[in-house]
Amino acid sequence: MEFKQAIVVRTDLKMGKGKTAAQCAHASIEAMEKTKIKFPDWVEEWKLSGTQKVVLKVSSEKELLELFEQVKKEIPTALIRDAGRTQIESGTKTCIGIGPAPENLVDKYTKELKLL
């Protein structure tokens, strides 16, 4: 079984490349930490198989939150809110991190999304 992590980023915020990268890093770490608590075997398998990640996009906060609400019922998922120190307002929901989890489970929720 293959494992992967998905990061889903809002494009409507028009964040710079560095800001986007930082938000994705926050999402990756927080989602992995949540997964480690609930499904430690998933994290170990993911690490052993190369820590595959995919970065995808949505075009609005509404899309991001709808996806978050669906996925979190089945896969540990982290919703990232910005601290507001640079480009965007404090508390802005920027992205979500999903898993790591079995690839087919992640794809169940993300297969229609486009790459960032």
C-alpha atoms as a PDB file:
ATOM      1  CA  MET A   1       0.000   0.000   0.000  1.00  0.00           C
ATOM      2  CA  GLU A   2       1.289   3.451  -0.930  1.00  0.00           C
ATOM      3  CA  PHE A   3       1.012   6.436   1.417  1.00  0.00           C
ATOM      4  CA  LYS A   4       1.030  10.154   0.654  1.00  0.00           C
ATOM      5  CA  GLN A   5       0.278  13.521   2.104  1.00  0.00           C
ATOM      6  CA  ALA A   6      -1.704  16.239   0.349  1.00  0.00           C
ATOM      7  CA  ILE A   7      -1.390  19.967   0.930  1.00  0.00           C
ATOM      8  CA  VAL A   8      -4.244  22.095  -0.430  1.00  0.00           C
ATOM      9  CA  VAL A   9      -3.634  25.848  -0.850  1.00  0.00           C
ATOM     10  CA  ARG A  10      -5.962  28.749  -1.537  1.00  0.00           C
ATOM     11  CA  THR A  11      -5.026  30.639  -4.706  1.00  0.00           C
ATOM     12  CA  ASP A  12      -7.376  33.588  -4.150  1.00  0.00           C
ATOM     13  CA  LEU A  13      -5.054  35.003  -1.472  1.00  0.00           C
ATOM     14  CA  LYS A  14      -2.323  35.687  -4.066  1.00  0.00           C
ATOM     15  CA  MET A  15       0.415  34.838  -1.542  1.00  0.00           C
ATOM     16  CA  GLY A  16       4.007  35.171  -2.693  1.00  0.00           C
ATOM     17  CA  LYS A  17       6.028  32.017  -3.397  1.00  0.00           C
ATOM     18  CA  GLY A  18       7.888  32.168  -0.101  1.00  0.00           C
ATOM     19  CA  LYS A  19       4.696  32.752   1.887  1.00  0.00           C
ATOM     20  CA  THR A  20       2.987  29.861   0.096  1.00  0.00           C
ATOM     21  CA  ALA A  21       5.962  27.591   0.782  1.00  0.00           C
ATOM     22  CA  ALA A  22       5.932  28.491   4.485  1.00  0.00           C
ATOM     23  CA  GLN A  23       2.187  27.856   4.779  1.00  0.00           C
ATOM     24  CA  CYS A  24       2.604  24.482   3.047  1.00  0.00           C
ATOM     25  CA  ALA A  25       5.400  23.576   5.458  1.00  0.00           C
ATOM     26  CA  HIS A  26       3.163  24.422   8.424  1.00  0.00           C
ATOM     27  CA  ALA A  27       0.387  22.265   6.960  1.00  0.00           C
ATOM     28  CA  SER A  28       2.708  19.331   6.290  1.00  0.00           C
ATOM     29  CA  ILE A  29       4.170  19.257   9.785  1.00  0.00           C
ATOM     30  CA  GLU A  30       0.894  19.818  11.654  1.00  0.00           C
ATOM     31  CA  ALA A  31      -0.970  17.186   9.626  1.00  0.00           C
ATOM     32  CA  MET A  32       1.841  14.669  10.118  1.00  0.00           C
ATOM     33  CA  GLU A  33       1.839  15.315  13.880  1.00  0.00           C
ATOM     34  CA  LYS A  34      -1.934  14.776  14.043  1.00  0.00           C
ATOM     35  CA  THR A  35      -1.620  11.583  12.015  1.00  0.00           C
ATOM     36  CA  LYS A  36       1.197  10.340  14.242  1.00  0.00           C
ATOM     37  CA  ILE A  37      -1.155  10.433  17.245  1.00  0.00           C
ATOM     38  CA  LYS A  38      -4.076   8.635  15.608  1.00  0.00           C
ATOM     39  CA  PHE A  39      -2.354   6.393  13.024  1.00  0.00           C
ATOM     40  CA  PRO A  40       1.357   6.068  13.903  1.00  0.00           C
ATOM     41  CA  ASP A  41       1.749   3.137  11.494  1.00  0.00           C
ATOM     42  CA  TRP A  42       0.649   5.357   8.596  1.00  0.00           C
ATOM     43  CA  VAL A  43       3.407   7.848   9.385  1.00  0.00           C
ATOM     44  CA  GLU A  44       6.045   5.115   9.620  1.00  0.00           C
ATOM     45  CA  GLU A  45       4.955   3.556   6.308  1.00  0.00           C
ATOM     46  CA  TRP A  46       4.944   6.990   4.684  1.00  0.00           C
ATOM     47  CA  LYS A  47       8.474   7.680   5.920  1.00  0.00           C
ATOM     48  CA  LEU A  48       9.714   4.304   4.708  1.00  0.00           C
ATOM     49  CA  SER A  49       8.205   4.884   1.269  1.00  0.00           C
ATOM     50  CA  GLY A  50       9.802   8.297   0.653  1.00  0.00           C
ATOM     51  CA  THR A  51       7.365  10.804   2.257  1.00  0.00           C
ATOM     52  CA  GLN A  52       5.401  11.439  -0.943  1.00  0.00           C
ATOM     53  CA  LYS A  53       3.563  14.773  -1.005  1.00  0.00           C
ATOM     54  CA  VAL A  54       1.342  16.510  -3.507  1.00  0.00           C
ATOM     55  CA  VAL A  55       0.439  20.224  -3.444  1.00  0.00           C
ATOM     56  CA  LEU A  56      -2.979  21.071  -4.839  1.00  0.00           C
ATOM     57  CA  LYS A  57      -5.102  24.196  -5.132  1.00  0.00           C
ATOM     58  CA  VAL A  58      -8.573  25.537  -4.453  1.00  0.00           C
ATOM     59  CA  SER A  59      -9.800  28.991  -5.406  1.00  0.00           C
ATOM     60  CA  SER A  60     -11.611  30.087  -2.235  1.00  0.00           C
ATOM     61  CA  GLU A  61     -11.940  29.800   1.532  1.00  0.00           C
ATOM     62  CA  LYS A  62     -15.336  28.157   1.005  1.00  0.00           C
ATOM     63  CA  GLU A  63     -13.805  25.357  -1.085  1.00  0.00           C
ATOM     64  CA  LEU A  64     -10.998  24.882   1.425  1.00  0.00           C
ATOM     65  CA  LEU A  65     -13.365  24.634   4.391  1.00  0.00           C
ATOM     66  CA  GLU A  66     -15.772  22.279   2.613  1.00  0.00           C
ATOM     67  CA  LEU A  67     -12.888  19.952   1.796  1.00  0.00           C
ATOM     68  CA  PHE A  68     -11.522  20.198   5.350  1.00  0.00           C
ATOM     69  CA  GLU A  69     -14.907  19.259   6.852  1.00  0.00           C
ATOM     70  CA  GLN A  70     -15.220  16.220   4.559  1.00  0.00           C
ATOM     71  CA  VAL A  71     -11.696  14.887   4.951  1.00  0.00           C
ATOM     72  CA  LYS A  72     -11.234  15.354   8.712  1.00  0.00           C
ATOM     73  CA  LYS A  73     -13.901  12.709   9.402  1.00  0.00           C
ATOM     74  CA  GLU A  74     -11.643  10.031   7.935  1.00  0.00           C
ATOM     75  CA  ILE A  75      -8.061  11.344   7.781  1.00  0.00           C
ATOM     76  CA  PRO A  76      -6.188  13.549  10.281  1.00  0.00           C
ATOM     77  CA  THR A  77      -6.217  17.003   8.692  1.00  0.00           C
ATOM     78  CA  ALA A  78      -4.725  20.337   9.744  1.00  0.00           C
ATOM     79  CA  LEU A  79      -6.294  23.700   8.938  1.00  0.00           C
ATOM     80  CA  ILE A  80      -3.648  26.428   8.851  1.00  0.00           C
ATOM     81  CA  ARG A  81      -4.409  29.990   9.911  1.00  0.00           C
ATOM     82  CA  ASP A  82      -1.839  32.704   9.264  1.00  0.00           C
ATOM     83  CA  ALA A  83      -0.285  34.658  12.128  1.00  0.00           C
ATOM     84  CA  GLY A  84      -0.645  37.908  10.167  1.00  0.00           C
ATOM     85  CA  ARG A  85       2.947  39.070  10.402  1.00  0.00           C
ATOM     86  CA  THR A  86       3.544  39.695   6.703  1.00  0.00           C
ATOM     87  CA  GLN A  87       1.281  39.497   3.661  1.00  0.00           C
ATOM     88  CA  ILE A  88      -2.159  38.566   4.946  1.00  0.00           C
ATOM     89  CA  GLU A  89      -4.459  39.276   7.869  1.00  0.00           C
ATOM     90  CA  SER A  90      -4.109  37.335  11.124  1.00  0.00           C
ATOM     91  CA  GLY A  91      -6.375  34.302  11.269  1.00  0.00           C
ATOM     92  CA  THR A  92      -6.723  33.925   7.497  1.00  0.00           C
ATOM     93  CA  LYS A  93      -7.205  30.267   6.570  1.00  0.00           C
ATOM     94  CA  THR A  94      -4.487  29.586   4.003  1.00  0.00           C
ATOM     95  CA  CYS A  95      -4.286  25.831   3.460  1.00  0.00           C
ATOM     96  CA  ILE A  96      -4.878  22.349   4.814  1.00  0.00           C
ATOM     97  CA  GLY A  97      -2.590  19.390   5.283  1.00  0.00           C
ATOM     98  CA  ILE A  98      -4.092  15.925   4.796  1.00  0.00           C
ATOM     99  CA  GLY A  99      -2.409  12.856   6.270  1.00  0.00           C
ATOM    100  CA  PRO A 100      -0.162  11.089   5.435  1.00  0.00           C
ATOM    101  CA  ALA A 101      -2.669   8.356   4.702  1.00  0.00           C
ATOM    102  CA  PRO A 102      -3.154   5.515   2.240  1.00  0.00           C
ATOM    103  CA  GLU A 103      -2.961   7.002  -1.249  1.00  0.00           C
ATOM    104  CA  ASN A 104      -6.377   5.713  -2.323  1.00  0.00           C
ATOM    105  CA  LEU A 105      -7.965   7.365   0.731  1.00  0.00           C
ATOM    106  CA  VAL A 106      -6.303  10.728   0.033  1.00  0.00           C
ATOM    107  CA  ASP A 107      -7.275  10.477  -3.651  1.00  0.00           C
ATOM    108  CA  LYS A 108     -10.910   9.845  -2.670  1.00  0.00           C
ATOM    109  CA  TYR A 109     -11.082  13.507  -1.590  1.00  0.00           C
ATOM    110  CA  THR A 110      -8.476  15.199  -3.779  1.00  0.00           C
ATOM    111  CA  LYS A 111      -8.549  13.491  -7.198  1.00  0.00           C
ATOM    112  CA  GLU A 112     -10.523  16.350  -8.808  1.00  0.00           C
ATOM    113  CA  LEU A 113      -8.134  19.076  -7.614  1.00  0.00           C
ATOM    114  CA  LYS A 114      -5.430  20.560  -9.830  1.00  0.00           C
ATOM    115  CA  LEU A 115      -1.743  20.792  -8.951  1.00  0.00           C
ATOM    116  CA  LEU A 116      -0.587  24.144  -7.591  1.00  0.00           C
END
